[in-house]
Amino acid sequence: MTPASGVPVRAKPVQAKPSSQPRSQAPGTPTRACCGRAQASSLWTLISSGSPDAVDLLEQNLEAATLLTGTDCAVLAFPDADGRELVYRCIMPLSAAPADRAALQVPFASTTSLAGEALRTGQARSWPPHQDPTQDRNQHPHPQAEAGSDPLLRSGARSLLACPVIVQEQVQAVLCVASWTETASLTPEQMRRLTSIARQISLVIDRERLITTARISNRQLDEIIQRNPDAILITDDYGCVRFANIAAQRLFARNAQELTGYPLGLTSQRSVGEIEVHCSTGQRIPVELHAMETTWDGQRAHVLTLRDLTARRQIENERRASANRLRAALVQTIEAISRTVETRDPYTAGHQRRVAALGREIARAMELDQSIVDGVYMGGTIHDIGKLYIPAEILNRPGKLNEAEFMLIRTHSSVGYDIIADIDFPWPLAKMVHQHHERIDGNGYPQGLKGGEIILQARILAVADVVDAMSSRRPYREALGLDAALEEIERGSGTRYDPEAVAACIRLFTQQNLRLEDLEAIP
């Protein structure tokens, strides 16, 4: 029989060990393309029990895969612990398959399946192999089709494409699309499209991996909290010490026996504040007190937490001095991220900077607090960061996009949110990135938020984004001009756009003589 063909992928393939390696190799020493099996075997459990939107994102990508490749069904295959078997999960859309979900989720051998070949080699595989459509496809049966190993083939699929999902340079899953209709072989162009979807799926999987890592870190943090470095004491109603942890013993320079019964004179009557305590050396130490009532040995008692402020007070001045430097570095970092996005899309070069500058001027015209003004500028600077994960050939295409490509571009606000959601910025940048395409009437995306559900900063950026987008040249059209942009936001004021932001924006251009070219020069 003729072997299934390998279609080269654009993503960097993961190198497998030479095929001359003995088949009796121990399960613990798999090829690099298949390493991480123990992790991969629990990968679906991690995803399905992880973030609420993880499975939804996978299903959206699978639906996009069927649209981009013109196939009937898309699935993800996950290997077991030793890589000998795979199982199809996340089958979309189910209605397209002539078999029920249970039939397609039966474990099957990796050694006799197309998905297994992609898993082992780190390269895409298709069946039937790409060929002249006038040739007899029966001349190229899958080598194990007669064995009925693959549930998709067993259900009657006439064509099948398997693309490895590479996470952290390891193949952790396989994206498969299948068609039950009599069609020509899947083409290299379809392969390239599927590879792009596989990269999107790898981002979702990697995000869940990072979230899991964060959860482990949180458990470690809980352990640190249980062994609090702050002084913790328990006193009775007379303020005499009943218990002191190690940090308290260090603070007062007394051991546990010496502190037991010590007349500290503190209870929860003073629940919080800064005080001074005396240690055995006679030194007066500034501390921050937090106290609450509890019970100890069946009697009312008081839990005191004392934090030594000596070091804090010594570094307060240093922190104040470095605050401005850190803020400047943060701004420069965000601007660098913005430039990274723009290098992939020359037609929108400067778009984020102009939106940021216009958004800041609108916020100033609305007389908002300076912290909000600064946040709007920072949010505008990276509001399109999610376009990093949109294929450049789609972003820069001069013609009209099809529905699948347009839907892929619309994911940029959600992808951008995922990128920065866990970063502790001093402004709600993640929400700005996520919501800048929302509209007052609820007809925006990705969440369909309405009115006050959209944060003010995002409503301001929405106005600035529309004005600059319509005034600038895009890959698929020439610039429409400032007048058309102002007419659009005025027409949508109160329905699509925030009326106060619209009014402020129009004043800037009509009464304060702001020009579009000024936005490039505003520091």
Protein backbone atom coordinates (compact mmCIF):
# COMPACT_ATOMS: atom_id res chain seq x y z
CA MET A 1 0.00 0.00 0.00
CA THR A 2 1.07 3.59 -0.63
CA PRO A 3 1.90 5.47 2.60
CA ALA A 4 0.02 8.62 3.61
CA SER A 5 1.75 11.73 2.37
CA GLY A 6 3.49 14.33 4.52
CA VAL A 7 2.58 17.95 3.79
CA PRO A 8 5.22 20.40 5.07
CA VAL A 9 3.93 22.91 7.58
CA ARG A 10 4.96 26.55 7.85
CA ALA A 11 5.33 26.31 11.61
CA LYS A 12 8.74 25.17 12.82
CA PRO A 13 8.52 21.34 12.97
CA VAL A 14 9.62 19.49 16.06
CA GLN A 15 12.50 17.14 15.30
CA ALA A 16 11.83 13.45 15.88
CA LYS A 17 14.50 10.86 16.64
CA PRO A 18 15.73 8.70 13.72
CA SER A 19 13.35 5.98 12.60
CA SER A 20 16.10 3.41 13.15
CA GLN A 21 15.50 3.63 16.87
CA PRO A 22 14.26 0.26 18.21
CA ARG A 23 10.49 -0.02 18.57
CA SER A 24 11.04 -1.58 21.97
CA GLN A 25 12.25 1.77 23.30
CA ALA A 26 11.11 2.37 26.87
CA PRO A 27 7.94 4.49 27.21
CA GLY A 28 9.85 6.98 29.33
CA THR A 29 12.24 7.89 26.47
CA PRO A 30 10.01 8.96 23.56
CA THR A 31 11.05 11.05 20.58
CA ARG A 32 11.24 14.78 21.06
CA ALA A 33 8.16 15.31 18.91
CA CYS A 34 6.23 13.09 21.28
CA CYS A 35 7.83 14.02 24.58
CA GLY A 36 5.79 15.37 27.44
CA ARG A 37 3.36 12.44 27.21
CA ALA A 38 2.37 12.49 30.88
CA GLN A 39 1.53 16.14 30.49
CA ALA A 40 -0.25 15.56 27.17
CA SER A 41 -2.34 12.72 28.59
CA SER A 42 -3.84 15.06 31.17
CA LEU A 43 -3.98 18.00 28.79
CA TRP A 44 -7.65 17.62 27.94
CA THR A 45 -8.52 17.36 31.65
CA LEU A 46 -6.52 20.54 32.27
CA ILE A 47 -8.35 22.37 29.47
CA SER A 48 -11.88 21.14 30.19
CA SER A 49 -11.57 21.86 33.92
CA GLY A 50 -9.63 25.10 33.51
CA SER A 51 -10.77 28.56 32.42
CA PRO A 52 -14.50 28.74 31.55
CA ASP A 53 -13.77 30.03 28.05
CA ALA A 54 -10.99 27.57 27.16
CA VAL A 55 -13.23 24.97 25.49
CA ASP A 56 -15.23 27.75 23.81
CA LEU A 57 -12.04 29.17 22.28
CA LEU A 58 -11.04 25.72 21.04
CA GLU A 59 -14.47 25.16 19.50
CA GLN A 60 -14.35 28.57 17.81
CA ASN A 61 -10.98 27.69 16.29
CA LEU A 62 -12.28 24.29 15.15
CA GLU A 63 -15.25 25.94 13.46
CA ALA A 64 -12.85 28.34 11.77
CA ALA A 65 -10.78 25.34 10.65
CA THR A 66 -13.75 23.78 8.86
CA LEU A 67 -14.58 27.09 7.18
CA LEU A 68 -11.00 27.82 6.09
CA THR A 69 -10.43 24.31 4.70
CA GLY A 70 -13.92 23.67 3.31
CA THR A 71 -14.25 20.46 5.32
CA ASP A 72 -17.15 19.01 7.29
CA CYS A 73 -15.71 18.40 10.73
CA ALA A 74 -12.75 19.39 12.91
CA VAL A 75 -11.47 17.57 16.01
CA LEU A 76 -8.52 17.56 18.37
CA ALA A 77 -6.69 14.30 19.08
CA PHE A 78 -4.94 13.93 22.44
CA PRO A 79 -2.46 11.09 23.19
CA ASP A 80 -2.46 8.88 26.27
CA ALA A 81 0.45 8.69 28.71
CA ASP A 82 2.72 6.53 26.53
CA GLY A 83 1.51 7.78 23.15
CA ARG A 84 0.20 4.43 21.97
CA GLU A 85 -3.41 5.56 21.71
CA LEU A 86 -5.20 8.79 20.87
CA VAL A 87 -8.70 10.04 21.59
CA TYR A 88 -10.67 12.64 19.65
CA ARG A 89 -12.00 15.48 21.80
CA CYS A 90 -13.75 18.77 21.15
CA ILE A 91 -15.57 17.61 18.00
CA MET A 92 -17.02 20.51 15.97
CA PRO A 93 -19.52 20.74 14.49
CA LEU A 94 -21.08 17.49 15.71
CA SER A 95 -24.00 17.74 13.27
CA ALA A 96 -21.62 17.38 10.32
CA ALA A 97 -20.41 13.92 11.30
CA PRO A 98 -22.45 10.82 10.34
CA ALA A 99 -21.43 9.26 13.67
CA ASP A 100 -22.35 10.23 17.21
CA ARG A 101 -19.88 11.76 19.64
CA ALA A 102 -19.33 8.52 21.54
CA ALA A 103 -18.36 6.67 18.35
CA LEU A 104 -15.77 9.30 17.46
CA GLN A 105 -14.30 9.37 20.98
CA VAL A 106 -13.22 5.74 21.02
CA PRO A 107 -9.45 5.43 21.66
CA PHE A 108 -7.48 4.37 18.58
CA ALA A 109 -3.90 3.31 17.90
CA SER A 110 -1.38 6.04 17.14
CA THR A 111 0.80 3.68 15.11
CA THR A 112 -1.93 2.97 12.57
CA SER A 113 -3.51 6.38 12.18
CA LEU A 114 -2.88 9.62 10.36
CA ALA A 115 -3.08 11.63 13.60
CA GLY A 116 -0.46 9.33 15.12
CA GLU A 117 1.91 10.00 12.23
CA ALA A 118 1.54 13.75 12.77
CA LEU A 119 2.10 13.25 16.49
CA ARG A 120 5.28 11.23 16.02
CA THR A 121 6.84 13.28 13.23
CA GLY A 122 5.72 16.78 14.16
CA GLN A 123 4.60 17.26 10.53
CA ALA A 124 1.17 17.51 8.93
CA ARG A 125 -0.24 14.47 7.16
CA SER A 126 -3.09 14.24 4.64
CA TRP A 127 -5.14 11.44 3.14
CA PRO A 128 -5.49 10.98 0.29
CA PRO A 129 -2.13 12.56 -0.61
CA HIS A 130 -2.22 15.73 -2.71
CA GLN A 131 -2.57 14.62 -6.31
CA ASP A 132 -4.12 15.32 -9.67
CA PRO A 133 -7.90 15.26 -9.09
CA THR A 134 -8.33 13.25 -12.31
CA GLN A 135 -6.44 10.33 -10.77
CA ASP A 136 -8.25 7.47 -9.09
CA ARG A 137 -8.23 8.23 -5.35
CA ASN A 138 -8.57 4.50 -4.62
CA GLN A 139 -4.97 4.15 -5.82
CA HIS A 140 -3.98 5.93 -2.59
CA PRO A 141 -5.80 4.24 0.26
CA HIS A 142 -4.66 4.96 3.80
CA PRO A 143 -2.19 2.19 4.81
CA GLN A 144 -4.33 1.11 7.75
CA ALA A 145 -7.78 2.08 6.47
CA GLU A 146 -8.81 -1.55 6.23
CA ALA A 147 -8.06 -2.07 9.90
CA GLY A 148 -10.57 0.61 10.81
CA SER A 149 -8.25 2.13 13.42
CA ASP A 150 -9.21 5.80 12.99
CA PRO A 151 -12.80 6.60 14.08
CA LEU A 152 -13.05 9.30 11.42
CA LEU A 153 -12.12 6.88 8.65
CA ARG A 154 -14.32 4.23 10.23
CA SER A 155 -17.25 6.66 10.06
CA GLY A 156 -16.74 7.07 6.31
CA ALA A 157 -14.54 10.15 5.98
CA ARG A 158 -13.34 10.51 2.38
CA SER A 159 -10.49 12.94 3.11
CA LEU A 160 -8.54 13.68 6.26
CA LEU A 161 -5.85 16.19 7.26
CA ALA A 162 -3.87 15.99 10.52
CA CYS A 163 -1.82 18.97 11.71
CA PRO A 164 0.36 18.87 14.86
CA VAL A 165 -0.38 21.37 17.63
CA ILE A 166 3.02 22.46 18.92
CA VAL A 167 3.27 23.94 22.40
CA GLN A 168 6.65 24.91 23.82
CA GLU A 169 8.36 23.07 20.91
CA GLN A 170 6.56 19.83 21.72
CA VAL A 171 3.65 18.20 19.89
CA GLN A 172 0.92 17.99 22.51
CA ALA A 173 -2.13 17.36 20.31
CA VAL A 174 -3.20 16.97 16.69
CA LEU A 175 -5.76 19.09 14.84
CA CYS A 176 -7.70 17.01 12.31
CA VAL A 177 -10.26 18.04 9.71
CA ALA A 178 -12.31 15.56 7.73
CA SER A 179 -14.79 15.55 4.89
CA TRP A 180 -17.43 12.95 4.17
CA THR A 181 -18.17 14.29 0.68
CA GLU A 182 -16.46 13.31 -2.57
CA THR A 183 -13.90 16.11 -2.92
CA ALA A 184 -10.42 16.62 -4.28
CA SER A 185 -7.47 16.09 -2.01
CA LEU A 186 -6.73 18.78 0.56
CA THR A 187 -4.38 21.34 -0.96
CA PRO A 188 -1.22 23.01 0.36
CA GLU A 189 -3.23 26.24 0.73
CA GLN A 190 -5.69 24.45 2.99
CA MET A 191 -2.70 23.08 4.86
CA ARG A 192 -1.36 26.58 5.44
CA ARG A 193 -4.75 27.71 6.71
CA LEU A 194 -4.98 24.77 9.06
CA THR A 195 -1.47 25.43 10.36
CA SER A 196 -2.57 28.96 11.26
CA ILE A 197 -5.51 27.58 13.24
CA ALA A 198 -3.18 25.07 14.94
CA ARG A 199 -1.06 27.98 16.12
CA GLN A 200 -4.14 29.66 17.58
CA ILE A 201 -5.04 26.43 19.39
CA SER A 202 -1.52 26.15 20.74
CA LEU A 203 -1.97 29.62 22.26
CA VAL A 204 -5.13 28.49 24.05
CA ILE A 205 -3.38 25.38 25.36
CA ASP A 206 -0.32 27.34 26.42
CA ARG A 207 -2.52 29.85 28.20
CA GLU A 208 -4.11 27.05 30.22
CA ARG A 209 -0.64 25.74 31.01
CA LEU A 210 0.36 29.16 32.31
CA ILE A 211 -2.83 29.41 34.35
CA THR A 212 -2.08 26.03 35.94
CA THR A 213 1.43 27.21 36.77
CA ALA A 214 -0.08 30.28 38.39
CA ARG A 215 -2.39 28.09 40.49
CA ILE A 216 0.59 26.11 41.75
CA SER A 217 2.29 29.38 42.61
CA ASN A 218 -0.81 30.44 44.51
CA ARG A 219 -0.68 27.29 46.61
CA GLN A 220 2.93 28.00 47.40
CA LEU A 221 1.94 31.52 48.34
CA ASP A 222 -0.69 30.13 50.72
CA GLU A 223 2.04 28.11 52.40
CA ILE A 224 4.14 31.24 52.81
CA ILE A 225 1.17 33.05 54.35
CA GLN A 226 0.72 30.23 56.86
CA ARG A 227 4.31 30.81 57.89
CA ASN A 228 3.85 34.52 58.13
CA PRO A 229 7.04 36.51 58.61
CA ASP A 230 5.06 39.14 60.50
CA ALA A 231 4.85 38.86 64.28
CA ILE A 232 1.62 37.13 65.31
CA LEU A 233 0.56 37.08 68.96
CA ILE A 234 -2.50 36.10 70.94
CA THR A 235 -3.33 38.07 74.10
CA ASP A 236 -6.07 37.77 76.72
CA ASP A 237 -8.43 40.54 77.84
CA TYR A 238 -5.69 41.92 80.08
CA GLY A 239 -3.23 42.24 77.19
CA CYS A 240 -1.00 39.41 78.44
CA VAL A 241 0.62 37.25 75.76
CA ARG A 242 -0.70 33.70 75.42
CA PHE A 243 1.07 32.78 72.16
CA ALA A 244 3.83 34.22 69.96
CA ASN A 245 5.19 32.95 66.67
CA ILE A 246 8.86 32.91 65.73
CA ALA A 247 8.68 36.34 64.07
CA ALA A 248 7.21 37.78 67.29
CA GLN A 249 10.01 36.26 69.32
CA ARG A 250 12.54 37.90 67.01
CA LEU A 251 10.74 41.23 67.18
CA PHE A 252 10.71 41.40 71.00
CA ALA A 253 14.07 39.62 71.39
CA ARG A 254 12.45 37.14 73.80
CA ASN A 255 11.86 33.41 73.49
CA ALA A 256 8.43 31.80 73.67
CA GLN A 257 8.70 31.07 77.39
CA GLU A 258 9.71 34.65 78.16
CA LEU A 259 6.82 36.04 76.11
CA THR A 260 4.16 33.78 77.60
CA GLY A 261 2.34 35.90 80.19
CA TYR A 262 4.26 39.03 79.18
CA PRO A 263 2.08 42.12 79.85
CA LEU A 264 2.10 43.54 76.33
CA GLY A 265 -1.00 45.60 77.02
CA LEU A 266 -2.52 45.22 73.54
CA THR A 267 -5.95 43.84 72.64
CA SER A 268 -8.33 44.17 69.71
CA GLN A 269 -9.78 47.37 71.20
CA ARG A 270 -7.27 49.08 68.96
CA SER A 271 -7.72 47.10 65.75
CA VAL A 272 -5.35 48.92 63.41
CA GLY A 273 -2.71 51.61 63.45
CA GLU A 274 0.98 52.37 63.76
CA ILE A 275 2.50 52.11 67.23
CA GLU A 276 5.86 51.57 68.87
CA VAL A 277 6.80 48.52 70.94
CA HIS A 278 9.68 47.95 73.33
CA CYS A 279 11.99 44.99 72.86
CA SER A 280 14.14 43.46 75.63
CA THR A 281 17.13 45.53 74.51
CA GLY A 282 15.23 48.74 75.23
CA GLN A 283 14.92 49.64 71.57
CA ARG A 284 11.67 51.23 70.41
CA ILE A 285 10.48 49.62 67.18
CA PRO A 286 7.77 51.13 64.93
CA VAL A 287 5.17 48.52 63.92
CA GLU A 288 1.91 48.37 62.06
CA LEU A 289 -0.82 46.76 64.17
CA HIS A 290 -3.77 44.72 62.96
CA ALA A 291 -5.96 43.08 65.62
CA MET A 292 -9.14 41.05 65.79
CA GLU A 293 -11.09 39.20 68.45
CA THR A 294 -10.97 35.40 68.63
CA THR A 295 -11.16 32.57 71.18
CA TRP A 296 -8.25 30.76 72.85
CA ASP A 297 -8.70 27.76 75.11
CA GLY A 298 -12.43 28.49 75.18
CA GLN A 299 -12.01 32.09 76.32
CA ARG A 300 -12.15 35.38 74.50
CA ALA A 301 -8.75 36.42 73.17
CA HIS A 302 -7.19 38.77 70.63
CA VAL A 303 -5.07 38.05 67.55
CA LEU A 304 -2.42 40.69 66.93
CA THR A 305 -0.35 41.02 63.78
CA LEU A 306 2.64 43.31 64.10
CA ARG A 307 4.66 44.28 61.07
CA ASP A 308 8.04 45.87 61.69
CA LEU A 309 8.10 49.23 59.91
CA THR A 310 11.78 49.97 60.40
CA ALA A 311 12.87 48.74 56.99
CA ARG A 312 9.75 50.14 55.33
CA ARG A 313 10.41 53.63 56.57
CA GLN A 314 14.01 53.40 55.43
CA ILE A 315 13.05 52.56 51.87
CA GLU A 316 9.99 54.81 51.52
CA ASN A 317 12.10 57.65 50.21
CA GLU A 318 13.89 55.32 47.82
CA ARG A 319 10.57 54.04 46.52
CA ARG A 320 9.26 57.53 45.95
CA ALA A 321 12.44 58.43 44.11
CA SER A 322 12.24 55.37 41.86
CA ALA A 323 8.49 55.63 41.18
CA ASN A 324 8.92 58.10 38.34
CA ARG A 325 11.70 56.02 36.80
CA LEU A 326 9.56 52.87 36.91
CA ARG A 327 6.59 54.69 35.41
CA ALA A 328 8.73 56.00 32.57
CA ALA A 329 10.10 52.50 31.93
CA LEU A 330 6.56 51.09 31.87
CA VAL A 331 5.46 53.65 29.31
CA GLN A 332 8.49 52.88 27.14
CA THR A 333 7.79 49.13 27.39
CA ILE A 334 4.18 49.56 26.32
CA GLU A 335 5.22 51.76 23.41
CA ALA A 336 7.75 49.11 22.36
CA ILE A 337 4.98 46.50 22.34
CA SER A 338 2.91 48.84 20.18
CA ARG A 339 5.72 49.19 17.65
CA THR A 340 6.02 45.39 17.52
CA VAL A 341 2.39 45.13 16.41
CA GLU A 342 2.80 47.83 13.80
CA THR A 343 5.81 46.16 12.15
CA ARG A 344 3.50 43.33 11.03
CA ASP A 345 0.92 45.68 9.53
CA PRO A 346 2.41 48.62 7.60
CA TYR A 347 -1.01 49.98 6.67
CA THR A 348 -1.75 50.72 10.30
CA ALA A 349 1.72 52.07 11.11
CA GLY A 350 1.16 54.81 13.65
CA HIS A 351 -2.52 53.87 14.08
CA GLN A 352 -2.14 52.84 17.72
CA ARG A 353 -0.09 55.95 18.54
CA ARG A 354 -2.65 58.23 16.90
CA VAL A 355 -5.54 56.51 18.67
CA ALA A 356 -3.66 56.83 21.95
CA ALA A 357 -2.95 60.53 21.38
CA LEU A 358 -6.51 61.32 20.28
CA GLY A 359 -7.97 59.30 23.15
CA ARG A 360 -5.85 61.22 25.61
CA GLU A 361 -6.97 64.57 24.14
CA ILE A 362 -10.62 63.46 24.33
CA ALA A 363 -10.19 62.44 27.98
CA ARG A 364 -8.60 65.81 28.76
CA ALA A 365 -11.44 67.63 27.01
CA MET A 366 -13.87 65.66 29.19
CA GLU A 367 -11.93 66.97 32.24
CA LEU A 368 -11.25 63.50 33.61
CA ASP A 369 -8.71 62.72 36.33
CA GLN A 370 -5.11 62.56 35.19
CA SER A 371 -4.87 58.87 36.07
CA ILE A 372 -7.73 58.14 33.65
CA VAL A 373 -6.15 60.34 30.98
CA ASP A 374 -2.87 58.45 31.32
CA GLY A 375 -4.67 55.10 31.25
CA VAL A 376 -6.53 55.96 28.04
CA TYR A 377 -3.23 56.82 26.38
CA MET A 378 -1.58 53.57 27.50
CA GLY A 379 -4.61 51.51 26.45
CA GLY A 380 -4.68 53.16 23.03
CA THR A 381 -0.99 52.43 22.56
CA ILE A 382 -1.59 48.64 22.66
CA HIS A 383 -5.31 48.33 21.87
CA ASP A 384 -4.57 46.18 18.78
CA ILE A 385 -1.92 43.97 20.41
CA GLY A 386 -4.06 40.90 19.65
CA LYS A 387 -3.26 41.33 15.94
CA LEU A 388 0.13 39.79 16.71
CA TYR A 389 -1.60 36.42 16.32
CA ILE A 390 -3.51 37.23 13.13
CA PRO A 391 -1.67 36.00 10.00
CA ALA A 392 0.02 38.95 8.28
CA GLU A 393 -1.30 37.89 4.89
CA ILE A 394 -4.84 38.41 6.19
CA LEU A 395 -4.08 41.73 7.91
CA ASN A 396 -2.45 43.19 4.80
CA ARG A 397 -4.69 41.71 2.13
CA PRO A 398 -5.84 44.47 -0.26
CA GLY A 399 -9.05 42.73 -1.25
CA LYS A 400 -12.23 42.00 0.66
CA LEU A 401 -11.97 39.37 3.41
CA ASN A 402 -14.27 36.36 3.47
CA GLU A 403 -16.47 35.66 6.48
CA ALA A 404 -14.05 33.22 8.14
CA GLU A 405 -11.12 35.61 7.78
CA PHE A 406 -13.19 38.50 9.10
CA MET A 407 -14.22 36.44 12.11
CA LEU A 408 -10.56 35.55 12.71
CA ILE A 409 -9.60 39.24 12.72
CA ARG A 410 -12.41 39.97 15.17
CA THR A 411 -10.73 37.68 17.69
CA HIS A 412 -7.89 40.18 18.12
CA SER A 413 -9.57 42.00 21.02
CA SER A 414 -10.07 38.74 22.97
CA VAL A 415 -6.56 37.51 22.13
CA GLY A 416 -5.13 40.87 23.21
CA TYR A 417 -7.02 40.60 26.50
CA ASP A 418 -5.57 37.13 27.10
CA ILE A 419 -2.04 38.41 26.46
CA ILE A 420 -2.11 41.14 29.12
CA ALA A 421 -4.92 40.05 31.47
CA ASP A 422 -2.57 38.77 34.17
CA ILE A 423 -0.24 41.78 34.09
CA ASP A 424 -0.79 44.14 37.01
CA PHE A 425 -0.87 47.49 35.20
CA PRO A 426 -1.88 50.60 37.15
CA TRP A 427 -4.70 51.07 34.63
CA PRO A 428 -7.40 48.66 33.36
CA LEU A 429 -5.56 48.09 30.07
CA ALA A 430 -6.83 44.53 29.61
CA LYS A 431 -10.45 45.72 29.73
CA MET A 432 -9.70 48.56 27.32
CA VAL A 433 -8.15 46.13 24.84
CA HIS A 434 -11.06 43.72 25.27
CA GLN A 435 -13.83 46.32 24.95
CA HIS A 436 -12.65 48.88 22.40
CA HIS A 437 -14.92 47.35 19.72
CA GLU A 438 -17.99 47.23 22.00
CA ARG A 439 -20.83 49.63 21.20
CA ILE A 440 -23.33 51.45 23.41
CA ASP A 441 -26.31 49.68 21.80
CA GLY A 442 -24.79 46.23 22.36
CA ASN A 443 -24.00 45.59 18.70
CA GLY A 444 -20.23 45.52 19.20
CA TYR A 445 -17.93 42.60 19.91
CA PRO A 446 -16.64 40.34 21.38
CA GLN A 447 -19.01 40.36 24.39
CA GLY A 448 -21.90 42.46 23.12
CA LEU A 449 -21.71 44.79 26.12
CA LYS A 450 -24.08 47.75 26.43
CA GLY A 451 -23.87 51.26 27.85
CA GLY A 452 -22.31 51.37 31.31
CA GLU A 453 -21.15 47.76 31.02
CA ILE A 454 -18.35 49.18 28.87
CA ILE A 455 -15.72 51.01 30.90
CA LEU A 456 -15.38 54.72 30.16
CA GLN A 457 -11.81 54.38 28.91
CA ALA A 458 -12.89 51.81 26.30
CA ARG A 459 -15.78 54.04 25.18
CA ILE A 460 -13.30 56.87 24.62
CA LEU A 461 -10.94 54.60 22.67
CA ALA A 462 -13.84 53.36 20.52
CA VAL A 463 -14.45 56.93 19.31
CA ALA A 464 -10.75 57.62 18.72
CA ASP A 465 -10.33 54.28 16.92
CA VAL A 466 -13.19 54.96 14.50
CA VAL A 467 -12.00 58.49 13.72
CA ASP A 468 -8.45 57.41 12.93
CA ALA A 469 -9.47 54.23 11.07
CA MET A 470 -11.84 56.12 8.76
CA SER A 471 -9.38 58.98 8.25
CA SER A 472 -6.48 56.67 7.35
CA ARG A 473 -5.74 54.49 4.35
CA ARG A 474 -6.41 50.78 4.88
CA PRO A 475 -5.33 47.76 2.79
CA TYR A 476 -8.80 47.42 1.28
CA ARG A 477 -9.69 51.13 0.74
CA GLU A 478 -8.38 54.65 0.55
CA ALA A 479 -8.81 57.11 3.44
CA LEU A 480 -12.40 58.34 3.84
CA GLY A 481 -11.33 61.62 5.42
CA LEU A 482 -11.86 63.41 8.72
CA ASP A 483 -15.24 64.88 7.76
CA ALA A 484 -16.68 61.43 7.09
CA ALA A 485 -15.26 60.16 10.37
CA LEU A 486 -16.79 63.02 12.38
CA GLU A 487 -20.13 62.51 10.63
CA GLU A 488 -20.01 58.81 11.57
CA ILE A 489 -19.44 59.38 15.30
CA GLU A 490 -21.97 62.23 15.41
CA ARG A 491 -24.57 60.03 13.70
CA GLY A 492 -23.87 57.23 16.20
CA SER A 493 -23.69 59.45 19.29
CA GLY A 494 -25.74 57.93 22.09
CA THR A 495 -26.49 54.76 20.15
CA ARG A 496 -23.14 53.34 19.10
CA TYR A 497 -20.73 55.76 20.71
CA ASP A 498 -20.50 57.52 24.07
CA PRO A 499 -22.15 60.94 23.60
CA GLU A 500 -19.75 62.81 25.91
CA ALA A 501 -16.72 61.33 24.17
CA VAL A 502 -18.21 62.19 20.77
CA ALA A 503 -18.93 65.77 21.79
CA ALA A 504 -15.42 66.22 23.16
CA CYS A 505 -13.86 64.77 20.01
CA ILE A 506 -15.87 67.02 17.69
CA ARG A 507 -14.93 70.09 19.78
CA LEU A 508 -11.25 69.23 19.43
CA PHE A 509 -11.41 69.33 15.64
CA THR A 510 -14.03 72.03 15.06
CA GLN A 511 -13.40 74.50 17.90
CA GLN A 512 -9.84 73.85 19.05
CA ASN A 513 -8.45 73.35 15.53
CA LEU A 514 -6.85 69.97 16.22
CA ARG A 515 -5.52 68.35 13.03
CA LEU A 516 -4.89 64.69 12.31
CA GLU A 517 -1.25 65.35 11.58
CA ASP A 518 -0.95 66.94 15.03
CA LEU A 519 -1.61 63.54 16.60
CA GLU A 520 1.72 62.23 15.29
CA ALA A 521 3.56 65.13 16.92
CA ILE A 522 1.80 65.10 20.32
CA PRO A 523 4.29 63.67 22.86
